[in-house]
C-alpha cells in the first residue's frame, strides 16, 4: 500500500510535471500597461451615453473615467496607478475600418503600451445592404492598421474586440414603437433596421445576410489578430455573443450603448482580454 508520505511525493511530482508542461503564456500574467489608446467609432466615443447626440468619452468602455462604467482604463488604474492620465481616446464617431490606419498612427505617436480596437458596426450598418463594406476590404483595412501598430509599437499589446450583433438590436427593438420611429426618422442602420416589423421573406433574408456580414467581419478580426502574434488578443466573440437588452441602449437613437451598455462592454471586453 502507498504510505501517506509516498502519496504526497507522487502528487508533488505530478504537479511539477503539469506545471512544466503548461503553456507559459497561459500560466504567466503580463504586467498591466502604463498607457493606453482606444481605436474605433462612436461606440468607443461613448456617443449618446450622456447627452443628446454628442460624444461622451468619459463614459467610454475603453478609456473613459466615469466610475459607473468602470472602464478598462479604470480597472487597469486600480492595479497600476502609473497609467493615470495616460488614457487616449483616438476613436471617431462615424469611423469605419478604413479609418483605422490613421487612428493607429495616432496611437503610435502617443507611444502607448496597450490598444483596444472595436470597429465594424458602421461597415455593416449602412443605408442599404449593397453599401456594406466587402469582407476582403474590411480585412485589408484591419491588417493595415494592425501592421502600423506592430511596426510602430512592437511591444504594445492589442485587444481586438468583436463587432456587436446588430441583428440582436433589431430583435430587441422591433416591438418598440419608439425604437422603430427613431430608426426610421434618423435613417439608422437601414441595412438591418429597415422595415423592422416585416416578415416578408426578402426582409428576413436581408437581415440574415447583414448578420452574416458581421459574423464574417469577426472571423477576419480573429484571423488578423492570430496573424499579429502573441501581443494580440481577440475576445473570442464575447461581445458579439452577449445578449444585450433594450435597457442597455440609448433611448435617443436606440442604437448606441447607454451608460449601462458601456459598463457591460467594459466588463466583457476586460474579462476576455489580457486579464490584468
C-alpha atoms as a PDB file:
ATOM      1  CA  UNK A   1       0.000   0.000   0.000  1.00  0.00           C
ATOM      2  CA  UNK A   2       1.134   3.565  -0.637  1.00  0.00           C
ATOM      3  CA  UNK A   3       2.092   5.401   2.524  1.00  0.00           C
ATOM      4  CA  UNK A   4       0.874   8.995   3.063  1.00  0.00           C
ATOM      5  CA  UNK A   5       4.464  10.276   2.600  1.00  0.00           C
ATOM      6  CA  UNK A   6       4.905   8.414  -0.701  1.00  0.00           C
ATOM      7  CA  UNK A   7       1.461   9.626  -1.854  1.00  0.00           C
ATOM      8  CA  UNK A   8       2.377  13.247  -1.170  1.00  0.00           C
ATOM      9  CA  UNK A   9       5.657  12.824  -3.036  1.00  0.00           C
ATOM     10  CA  UNK A  10       3.837  11.345  -6.013  1.00  0.00           C
ATOM     11  CA  UNK A  11       1.331  14.209  -6.074  1.00  0.00           C
ATOM     12  CA  UNK A  12       4.163  16.730  -5.895  1.00  0.00           C
ATOM     13  CA  UNK A  13       5.906  15.075  -8.834  1.00  0.00           C
ATOM     14  CA  UNK A  14       2.731  15.073 -10.908  1.00  0.00           C
ATOM     15  CA  UNK A  15       2.127  18.729 -10.103  1.00  0.00           C
ATOM     16  CA  UNK A  16       5.642  19.600 -11.210  1.00  0.00           C
ATOM     17  CA  UNK A  17       5.135  17.736 -14.491  1.00  0.00           C
ATOM     18  CA  UNK A  18       1.872  19.567 -15.144  1.00  0.00           C
ATOM     19  CA  UNK A  19       3.491  22.931 -14.492  1.00  0.00           C
ATOM     20  CA  UNK A  20       6.452  22.141 -16.693  1.00  0.00           C
ATOM     21  CA  UNK A  21       4.177  21.060 -19.486  1.00  0.00           C
ATOM     22  CA  UNK A  22       1.875  24.028 -19.189  1.00  0.00           C
ATOM     23  CA  UNK A  23       1.791  26.776 -21.802  1.00  0.00           C
ATOM     24  CA  UNK A  24       3.938  29.605 -20.368  1.00  0.00           C
ATOM     25  CA  UNK A  25       1.632  32.190 -21.927  1.00  0.00           C
ATOM     26  CA  UNK A  26      -1.326  30.720 -20.102  1.00  0.00           C
ATOM     27  CA  UNK A  27       0.497  30.315 -16.811  1.00  0.00           C
ATOM     28  CA  UNK A  28       2.109  33.739 -16.719  1.00  0.00           C
ATOM     29  CA  UNK A  29       0.322  37.067 -16.446  1.00  0.00           C
ATOM     30  CA  UNK A  30       1.599  40.085 -18.295  1.00  0.00           C
ATOM     31  CA  UNK A  31       2.200  43.293 -16.337  1.00  0.00           C
ATOM     32  CA  UNK A  32      -0.502  45.947 -16.716  1.00  0.00           C
ATOM     33  CA  UNK A  33       0.255  48.785 -19.155  1.00  0.00           C
ATOM     34  CA  UNK A  34       1.372  52.299 -18.241  1.00  0.00           C
ATOM     35  CA  UNK A  35      -0.607  53.910 -21.072  1.00  0.00           C
ATOM     36  CA  UNK A  36      -3.408  53.012 -23.454  1.00  0.00           C
ATOM     37  CA  UNK A  37      -5.324  54.196 -26.506  1.00  0.00           C
ATOM     38  CA  UNK A  38      -8.695  53.217 -27.921  1.00  0.00           C
ATOM     39  CA  UNK A  39      -9.423  52.945 -31.637  1.00  0.00           C
ATOM     40  CA  UNK A  40     -12.877  52.692 -33.114  1.00  0.00           C
ATOM     41  CA  UNK A  41     -16.103  54.523 -33.816  1.00  0.00           C
ATOM     42  CA  UNK A  42     -18.961  56.164 -31.927  1.00  0.00           C
ATOM     43  CA  UNK A  43     -19.349  53.187 -29.592  1.00  0.00           C
ATOM     44  CA  UNK A  44     -15.846  53.779 -28.265  1.00  0.00           C
ATOM     45  CA  UNK A  45     -16.531  57.525 -28.138  1.00  0.00           C
ATOM     46  CA  UNK A  46     -19.459  56.875 -25.797  1.00  0.00           C
ATOM     47  CA  UNK A  47     -21.801  58.585 -28.234  1.00  0.00           C
ATOM     48  CA  UNK A  48     -25.265  59.291 -26.754  1.00  0.00           C
ATOM     49  CA  UNK A  49     -24.272  57.835 -23.389  1.00  0.00           C
ATOM     50  CA  UNK A  50     -24.616  61.140 -21.535  1.00  0.00           C
ATOM     51  CA  UNK A  51     -26.208  63.709 -23.829  1.00  0.00           C
ATOM     52  CA  UNK A  52     -28.238  64.321 -26.959  1.00  0.00           C
ATOM     53  CA  UNK A  53     -26.223  63.231 -29.985  1.00  0.00           C
ATOM     54  CA  UNK A  54     -22.824  64.066 -28.517  1.00  0.00           C
ATOM     55  CA  UNK A  55     -19.684  62.108 -27.740  1.00  0.00           C
ATOM     56  CA  UNK A  56     -19.315  61.166 -24.082  1.00  0.00           C
ATOM     57  CA  UNK A  57     -15.719  59.992 -23.948  1.00  0.00           C
ATOM     58  CA  UNK A  58     -15.711  59.908 -20.148  1.00  0.00           C
ATOM     59  CA  UNK A  59     -18.210  57.032 -20.424  1.00  0.00           C
ATOM     60  CA  UNK A  60     -16.251  55.050 -22.981  1.00  0.00           C
ATOM     61  CA  UNK A  61     -15.953  51.382 -22.065  1.00  0.00           C
ATOM     62  CA  UNK A  62     -12.279  51.528 -23.005  1.00  0.00           C
ATOM     63  CA  UNK A  63     -10.584  54.745 -21.929  1.00  0.00           C
ATOM     64  CA  UNK A  64     -13.309  56.593 -20.029  1.00  0.00           C
ATOM     65  CA  UNK A  65     -13.039  57.699 -16.411  1.00  0.00           C
ATOM     66  CA  UNK A  66     -16.696  57.625 -15.345  1.00  0.00           C
ATOM     67  CA  UNK A  67     -16.871  55.452 -12.249  1.00  0.00           C
ATOM     68  CA  UNK A  68     -20.266  53.888 -13.032  1.00  0.00           C
ATOM     69  CA  UNK A  69     -18.948  52.465 -16.307  1.00  0.00           C
ATOM     70  CA  UNK A  70     -15.745  51.183 -14.662  1.00  0.00           C
ATOM     71  CA  UNK A  71     -13.895  51.198 -17.964  1.00  0.00           C
ATOM     72  CA  UNK A  72     -10.905  49.122 -18.902  1.00  0.00           C
ATOM     73  CA  UNK A  73      -8.783  52.174 -18.064  1.00  0.00           C
ATOM     74  CA  UNK A  74     -10.193  52.434 -14.533  1.00  0.00           C
ATOM     75  CA  UNK A  75      -9.771  48.702 -13.975  1.00  0.00           C
ATOM     76  CA  UNK A  76      -6.140  48.911 -15.054  1.00  0.00           C
ATOM     77  CA  UNK A  77      -5.553  52.042 -12.980  1.00  0.00           C
ATOM     78  CA  UNK A  78      -6.801  50.173  -9.931  1.00  0.00           C
ATOM     79  CA  UNK A  79      -3.837  47.795 -10.248  1.00  0.00           C
ATOM     80  CA  UNK A  80      -1.337  50.188 -11.815  1.00  0.00           C
ATOM     81  CA  UNK A  81      -1.569  53.867 -10.898  1.00  0.00           C
ATOM     82  CA  UNK A  82       1.139  54.721 -13.446  1.00  0.00           C
ATOM     83  CA  UNK A  83      -1.483  54.683 -16.202  1.00  0.00           C
ATOM     84  CA  UNK A  84      -3.309  57.603 -14.595  1.00  0.00           C
ATOM     85  CA  UNK A  85      -3.962  60.365 -17.112  1.00  0.00           C
ATOM     86  CA  UNK A  86      -2.440  58.382 -19.971  1.00  0.00           C
ATOM     87  CA  UNK A  87      -5.704  57.174 -21.497  1.00  0.00           C
ATOM     88  CA  UNK A  88      -6.189  58.385 -25.064  1.00  0.00           C
ATOM     89  CA  UNK A  89      -9.447  58.064 -26.969  1.00  0.00           C
ATOM     90  CA  UNK A  90      -8.409  58.100 -30.628  1.00  0.00           C
ATOM     91  CA  UNK A  91     -11.741  56.794 -31.936  1.00  0.00           C
ATOM     92  CA  UNK A  92     -14.025  58.943 -34.060  1.00  0.00           C
ATOM     93  CA  UNK A  93     -17.793  58.821 -34.399  1.00  0.00           C
ATOM     94  CA  UNK A  94     -18.789  57.608 -37.830  1.00  0.00           C
ATOM     95  CA  UNK A  95     -15.488  55.823 -38.398  1.00  0.00           C
ATOM     96  CA  UNK A  96     -15.234  52.674 -40.484  1.00  0.00           C
ATOM     97  CA  UNK A  97     -12.481  50.107 -40.851  1.00  0.00           C
ATOM     98  CA  UNK A  98     -10.832  52.310 -43.498  1.00  0.00           C
ATOM     99  CA  UNK A  99     -10.159  54.908 -40.782  1.00  0.00           C
ATOM    100  CA  UNK A 100      -8.219  52.535 -38.545  1.00  0.00           C
ATOM    101  CA  UNK A 101      -4.882  53.093 -40.265  1.00  0.00           C
ATOM    102  CA  UNK A 102      -4.997  56.785 -39.368  1.00  0.00           C
ATOM    103  CA  UNK A 103      -6.112  56.100 -35.805  1.00  0.00           C
ATOM    104  CA  UNK A 104      -3.337  53.537 -35.457  1.00  0.00           C
ATOM    105  CA  UNK A 105      -0.865  56.225 -36.460  1.00  0.00           C
ATOM    106  CA  UNK A 106      -2.166  58.466 -33.698  1.00  0.00           C
ATOM    107  CA  UNK A 107      -1.739  55.682 -31.138  1.00  0.00           C
ATOM    108  CA  UNK A 108       1.801  55.101 -32.370  1.00  0.00           C
ATOM    109  CA  UNK A 109       2.610  58.798 -31.937  1.00  0.00           C
ATOM    110  CA  UNK A 110       1.366  58.565 -28.361  1.00  0.00           C
ATOM    111  CA  UNK A 111       3.758  55.705 -27.626  1.00  0.00           C
ATOM    112  CA  UNK A 112       1.172  53.672 -25.733  1.00  0.00           C
ATOM    113  CA  UNK A 113       1.616  50.221 -24.196  1.00  0.00           C
ATOM    114  CA  UNK A 114      -1.910  48.975 -24.881  1.00  0.00           C
ATOM    115  CA  UNK A 115      -4.510  49.482 -27.625  1.00  0.00           C
ATOM    116  CA  UNK A 116      -8.154  48.441 -27.869  1.00  0.00           C
ATOM    117  CA  UNK A 117      -9.790  48.172 -31.285  1.00  0.00           C
ATOM    118  CA  UNK A 118     -13.536  47.905 -31.846  1.00  0.00           C
ATOM    119  CA  UNK A 119     -14.644  48.633 -35.405  1.00  0.00           C
ATOM    120  CA  UNK A 120     -17.138  47.281 -37.914  1.00  0.00           C
ATOM    121  CA  UNK A 121     -20.606  48.437 -36.897  1.00  0.00           C
ATOM    122  CA  UNK A 122     -20.530  51.250 -39.466  1.00  0.00           C
ATOM    123  CA  UNK A 123     -19.145  48.881 -42.103  1.00  0.00           C
ATOM    124  CA  UNK A 124     -22.307  46.787 -41.755  1.00  0.00           C
ATOM    125  CA  UNK A 125     -24.777  49.480 -40.670  1.00  0.00           C
ATOM    126  CA  UNK A 126     -25.186  51.485 -43.857  1.00  0.00           C
ATOM    127  CA  UNK A 127     -28.026  52.992 -45.834  1.00  0.00           C
ATOM    128  CA  UNK A 128     -28.634  49.723 -47.630  1.00  0.00           C
ATOM    129  CA  UNK A 129     -27.303  46.195 -47.804  1.00  0.00           C
ATOM    130  CA  UNK A 130     -25.490  46.936 -51.058  1.00  0.00           C
ATOM    131  CA  UNK A 131     -23.268  49.584 -49.457  1.00  0.00           C
ATOM    132  CA  UNK A 132     -21.822  47.409 -46.710  1.00  0.00           C
ATOM    133  CA  UNK A 133     -18.038  47.065 -46.700  1.00  0.00           C
ATOM    134  CA  UNK A 134     -16.903  43.907 -48.565  1.00  0.00           C
ATOM    135  CA  UNK A 135     -15.285  41.343 -46.281  1.00  0.00           C
ATOM    136  CA  UNK A 136     -11.990  41.389 -48.187  1.00  0.00           C
ATOM    137  CA  UNK A 137     -11.796  45.181 -47.941  1.00  0.00           C
ATOM    138  CA  UNK A 138     -12.567  45.054 -44.238  1.00  0.00           C
ATOM    139  CA  UNK A 139      -9.765  42.547 -43.668  1.00  0.00           C
ATOM    140  CA  UNK A 140      -7.290  44.618 -45.659  1.00  0.00           C
ATOM    141  CA  UNK A 141      -8.165  47.670 -43.578  1.00  0.00           C
ATOM    142  CA  UNK A 142      -7.714  45.776 -40.316  1.00  0.00           C
ATOM    143  CA  UNK A 143      -4.386  44.302 -41.426  1.00  0.00           C
ATOM    144  CA  UNK A 144      -3.179  47.747 -42.450  1.00  0.00           C
ATOM    145  CA  UNK A 145      -3.978  49.199 -39.032  1.00  0.00           C
ATOM    146  CA  UNK A 146      -2.525  46.298 -37.078  1.00  0.00           C
ATOM    147  CA  UNK A 147       0.643  46.336 -39.156  1.00  0.00           C
ATOM    148  CA  UNK A 148       1.080  50.019 -38.397  1.00  0.00           C
ATOM    149  CA  UNK A 149       0.724  49.362 -34.678  1.00  0.00           C
ATOM    150  CA  UNK A 150       3.117  46.417 -34.780  1.00  0.00           C
ATOM    151  CA  UNK A 151       5.747  48.398 -36.671  1.00  0.00           C
ATOM    152  CA  UNK A 152       5.458  51.492 -34.515  1.00  0.00           C
ATOM    153  CA  UNK A 153       4.727  49.895 -31.146  1.00  0.00           C
ATOM    154  CA  UNK A 154       6.322  46.436 -31.327  1.00  0.00           C
ATOM    155  CA  UNK A 155       5.985  45.829 -27.601  1.00  0.00           C
ATOM    156  CA  UNK A 156       2.410  47.047 -27.211  1.00  0.00           C
ATOM    157  CA  UNK A 157      -0.477  44.700 -26.599  1.00  0.00           C
ATOM    158  CA  UNK A 158      -3.637  44.950 -28.652  1.00  0.00           C
ATOM    159  CA  UNK A 159      -7.112  43.751 -27.780  1.00  0.00           C
ATOM    160  CA  UNK A 160      -9.328  43.241 -30.806  1.00  0.00           C
ATOM    161  CA  UNK A 161     -12.978  43.296 -29.784  1.00  0.00           C
ATOM    162  CA  UNK A 162     -15.722  41.596 -31.784  1.00  0.00           C
ATOM    163  CA  UNK A 163     -18.381  43.651 -33.527  1.00  0.00           C
ATOM    164  CA  UNK A 164     -21.678  43.554 -31.589  1.00  0.00           C
ATOM    165  CA  UNK A 165     -24.583  41.579 -33.019  1.00  0.00           C
ATOM    166  CA  UNK A 166     -26.710  44.225 -34.749  1.00  0.00           C
ATOM    167  CA  UNK A 167     -29.318  41.562 -35.532  1.00  0.00           C
ATOM    168  CA  UNK A 168     -29.836  41.379 -31.779  1.00  0.00           C
ATOM    169  CA  UNK A 169     -30.534  45.123 -31.830  1.00  0.00           C
ATOM    170  CA  UNK A 170     -33.297  44.578 -34.382  1.00  0.00           C
ATOM    171  CA  UNK A 171     -34.688  41.669 -32.369  1.00  0.00           C
ATOM    172  CA  UNK A 172     -34.970  43.554 -29.071  1.00  0.00           C
ATOM    173  CA  UNK A 173     -36.174  46.809 -30.624  1.00  0.00           C
ATOM    174  CA  UNK A 174     -38.575  45.737 -33.352  1.00  0.00           C
ATOM    175  CA  UNK A 175     -41.546  45.596 -30.968  1.00  0.00           C
ATOM    176  CA  UNK A 176     -40.869  49.073 -29.556  1.00  0.00           C
ATOM    177  CA  UNK A 177     -42.743  51.857 -31.295  1.00  0.00           C
ATOM    178  CA  UNK A 178     -40.201  54.393 -30.040  1.00  0.00           C
ATOM    179  CA  UNK A 179     -37.301  52.388 -31.430  1.00  0.00           C
ATOM    180  CA  UNK A 180     -38.973  51.837 -34.786  1.00  0.00           C
ATOM    181  CA  UNK A 181     -39.879  55.502 -35.233  1.00  0.00           C
ATOM    182  CA  UNK A 182     -36.382  56.615 -34.236  1.00  0.00           C
ATOM    183  CA  UNK A 183     -34.676  54.187 -36.612  1.00  0.00           C
ATOM    184  CA  UNK A 184     -36.886  55.443 -39.436  1.00  0.00           C
ATOM    185  CA  UNK A 185     -36.667  59.169 -38.658  1.00  0.00           C
ATOM    186  CA  UNK A 186     -32.883  59.194 -38.417  1.00  0.00           C
ATOM    187  CA  UNK A 187     -32.224  56.528 -41.057  1.00  0.00           C
ATOM    188  CA  UNK A 188     -30.301  54.393 -38.575  1.00  0.00           C
ATOM    189  CA  UNK A 189     -28.641  51.208 -39.833  1.00  0.00           C
ATOM    190  CA  UNK A 190     -31.147  50.699 -42.608  1.00  0.00           C
ATOM    191  CA  UNK A 191     -29.235  47.736 -43.990  1.00  0.00           C
ATOM    192  CA  UNK A 192     -30.526  45.863 -40.930  1.00  0.00           C
ATOM    193  CA  UNK A 193     -33.284  48.007 -39.436  1.00  0.00           C
ATOM    194  CA  UNK A 194     -35.376  48.945 -42.489  1.00  0.00           C
ATOM    195  CA  UNK A 195     -38.932  47.565 -42.385  1.00  0.00           C
ATOM    196  CA  UNK A 196     -38.372  46.264 -38.836  1.00  0.00           C
ATOM    197  CA  UNK A 197     -41.768  44.579 -38.441  1.00  0.00           C
ATOM    198  CA  UNK A 198     -41.819  42.966 -41.880  1.00  0.00           C
ATOM    199  CA  UNK A 199     -41.922  39.203 -42.047  1.00  0.00           C
ATOM    200  CA  UNK A 200     -41.622  39.154 -45.839  1.00  0.00           C
ATOM    201  CA  UNK A 201     -39.026  36.642 -46.962  1.00  0.00           C
ATOM    202  CA  UNK A 202     -36.975  39.345 -48.675  1.00  0.00           C
ATOM    203  CA  UNK A 203     -36.586  41.232 -45.377  1.00  0.00           C
ATOM    204  CA  UNK A 204     -35.940  38.070 -43.392  1.00  0.00           C
ATOM    205  CA  UNK A 205     -33.207  37.095 -45.837  1.00  0.00           C
ATOM    206  CA  UNK A 206     -31.721  40.595 -45.864  1.00  0.00           C
ATOM    207  CA  UNK A 207     -31.362  40.659 -42.086  1.00  0.00           C
ATOM    208  CA  UNK A 208     -29.746  37.229 -42.163  1.00  0.00           C
ATOM    209  CA  UNK A 209     -27.228  38.378 -44.779  1.00  0.00           C
ATOM    210  CA  UNK A 210     -26.340  41.516 -42.824  1.00  0.00           C
ATOM    211  CA  UNK A 211     -25.856  39.464 -39.678  1.00  0.00           C
ATOM    212  CA  UNK A 212     -23.657  37.072 -41.638  1.00  0.00           C
ATOM    213  CA  UNK A 213     -21.558  40.023 -42.772  1.00  0.00           C
ATOM    214  CA  UNK A 214     -20.913  40.906 -39.129  1.00  0.00           C
ATOM    215  CA  UNK A 215     -20.029  37.276 -38.409  1.00  0.00           C
ATOM    216  CA  UNK A 216     -17.629  37.342 -41.356  1.00  0.00           C
ATOM    217  CA  UNK A 217     -16.068  40.564 -40.054  1.00  0.00           C
ATOM    218  CA  UNK A 218     -15.498  38.902 -36.696  1.00  0.00           C
ATOM    219  CA  UNK A 219     -13.915  35.887 -38.358  1.00  0.00           C
ATOM    220  CA  UNK A 220     -11.489  38.239 -40.068  1.00  0.00           C
ATOM    221  CA  UNK A 221     -10.739  40.001 -36.791  1.00  0.00           C
ATOM    222  CA  UNK A 222      -9.888  36.674 -35.160  1.00  0.00           C
ATOM    223  CA  UNK A 223      -7.628  35.671 -38.021  1.00  0.00           C
ATOM    224  CA  UNK A 224      -5.912  39.054 -38.238  1.00  0.00           C
ATOM    225  CA  UNK A 225      -5.235  39.018 -34.515  1.00  0.00           C
ATOM    226  CA  UNK A 226      -3.827  35.485 -34.692  1.00  0.00           C
ATOM    227  CA  UNK A 227      -1.543  36.571 -37.526  1.00  0.00           C
ATOM    228  CA  UNK A 228      -0.365  39.521 -35.443  1.00  0.00           C
ATOM    229  CA  UNK A 229       1.119  37.233 -32.817  1.00  0.00           C
ATOM    230  CA  UNK A 230       1.258  36.838 -29.059  1.00  0.00           C
ATOM    231  CA  UNK A 231       0.747  40.537 -28.324  1.00  0.00           C
ATOM    232  CA  UNK A 232      -2.756  40.484 -29.830  1.00  0.00           C
ATOM    233  CA  UNK A 233      -5.789  39.091 -28.058  1.00  0.00           C
ATOM    234  CA  UNK A 234      -9.203  38.593 -29.690  1.00  0.00           C
ATOM    235  CA  UNK A 235     -12.200  38.465 -27.364  1.00  0.00           C
ATOM    236  CA  UNK A 236     -13.397  35.173 -28.905  1.00  0.00           C
ATOM    237  CA  UNK A 237     -16.688  36.804 -29.928  1.00  0.00           C
ATOM    238  CA  UNK A 238     -17.621  37.581 -26.327  1.00  0.00           C
ATOM    239  CA  UNK A 239     -19.083  40.986 -27.213  1.00  0.00           C
ATOM    240  CA  UNK A 240     -20.869  39.621 -30.288  1.00  0.00           C
ATOM    241  CA  UNK A 241     -22.402  36.804 -28.257  1.00  0.00           C
ATOM    242  CA  UNK A 242     -23.589  38.954 -25.350  1.00  0.00           C
ATOM    243  CA  UNK A 243     -27.435  39.081 -25.320  1.00  0.00           C
ATOM    244  CA  UNK A 244     -27.815  42.789 -24.555  1.00  0.00           C
ATOM    245  CA  UNK A 245     -31.263  44.182 -23.750  1.00  0.00           C
ATOM    246  CA  UNK A 246     -33.102  47.330 -24.808  1.00  0.00           C
ATOM    247  CA  UNK A 247     -32.435  48.941 -21.421  1.00  0.00           C
ATOM    248  CA  UNK A 248     -28.712  48.994 -22.267  1.00  0.00           C
ATOM    249  CA  UNK A 249     -29.291  51.046 -25.434  1.00  0.00           C
ATOM    250  CA  UNK A 250     -29.640  54.827 -25.644  1.00  0.00           C
ATOM    251  CA  UNK A 251     -33.249  55.961 -25.965  1.00  0.00           C
ATOM    252  CA  UNK A 252     -32.063  58.887 -28.104  1.00  0.00           C
ATOM    253  CA  UNK A 253     -31.218  56.660 -31.047  1.00  0.00           C
ATOM    254  CA  UNK A 254     -31.927  53.053 -29.983  1.00  0.00           C
ATOM    255  CA  UNK A 255     -28.574  52.120 -31.437  1.00  0.00           C
ATOM    256  CA  UNK A 256     -25.649  53.136 -29.236  1.00  0.00           C
ATOM    257  CA  UNK A 257     -24.934  51.712 -25.766  1.00  0.00           C
ATOM    258  CA  UNK A 258     -26.095  53.921 -22.908  1.00  0.00           C
ATOM    259  CA  UNK A 259     -24.148  54.167 -19.653  1.00  0.00           C
ATOM    260  CA  UNK A 260     -25.332  50.704 -18.621  1.00  0.00           C
ATOM    261  CA  UNK A 261     -24.393  49.312 -22.015  1.00  0.00           C
ATOM    262  CA  UNK A 262     -20.942  50.873 -21.831  1.00  0.00           C
ATOM    263  CA  UNK A 263     -20.465  49.283 -18.406  1.00  0.00           C
ATOM    264  CA  UNK A 264     -21.333  45.876 -19.842  1.00  0.00           C
ATOM    265  CA  UNK A 265     -18.902  46.417 -22.723  1.00  0.00           C
ATOM    266  CA  UNK A 266     -16.180  47.327 -20.243  1.00  0.00           C
ATOM    267  CA  UNK A 267     -16.804  44.238 -18.160  1.00  0.00           C
ATOM    268  CA  UNK A 268     -16.987  41.791 -21.067  1.00  0.00           C
ATOM    269  CA  UNK A 269     -14.059  43.166 -23.035  1.00  0.00           C
ATOM    270  CA  UNK A 270     -11.831  43.365 -19.977  1.00  0.00           C
ATOM    271  CA  UNK A 271     -12.701  39.862 -18.797  1.00  0.00           C
ATOM    272  CA  UNK A 272     -11.924  38.458 -22.226  1.00  0.00           C
ATOM    273  CA  UNK A 273      -8.698  40.377 -22.691  1.00  0.00           C
ATOM    274  CA  UNK A 274      -5.261  40.105 -21.120  1.00  0.00           C
ATOM    275  CA  UNK A 275      -6.539  39.558 -17.581  1.00  0.00           C
ATOM    276  CA  UNK A 276      -4.609  42.109 -15.575  1.00  0.00           C
END
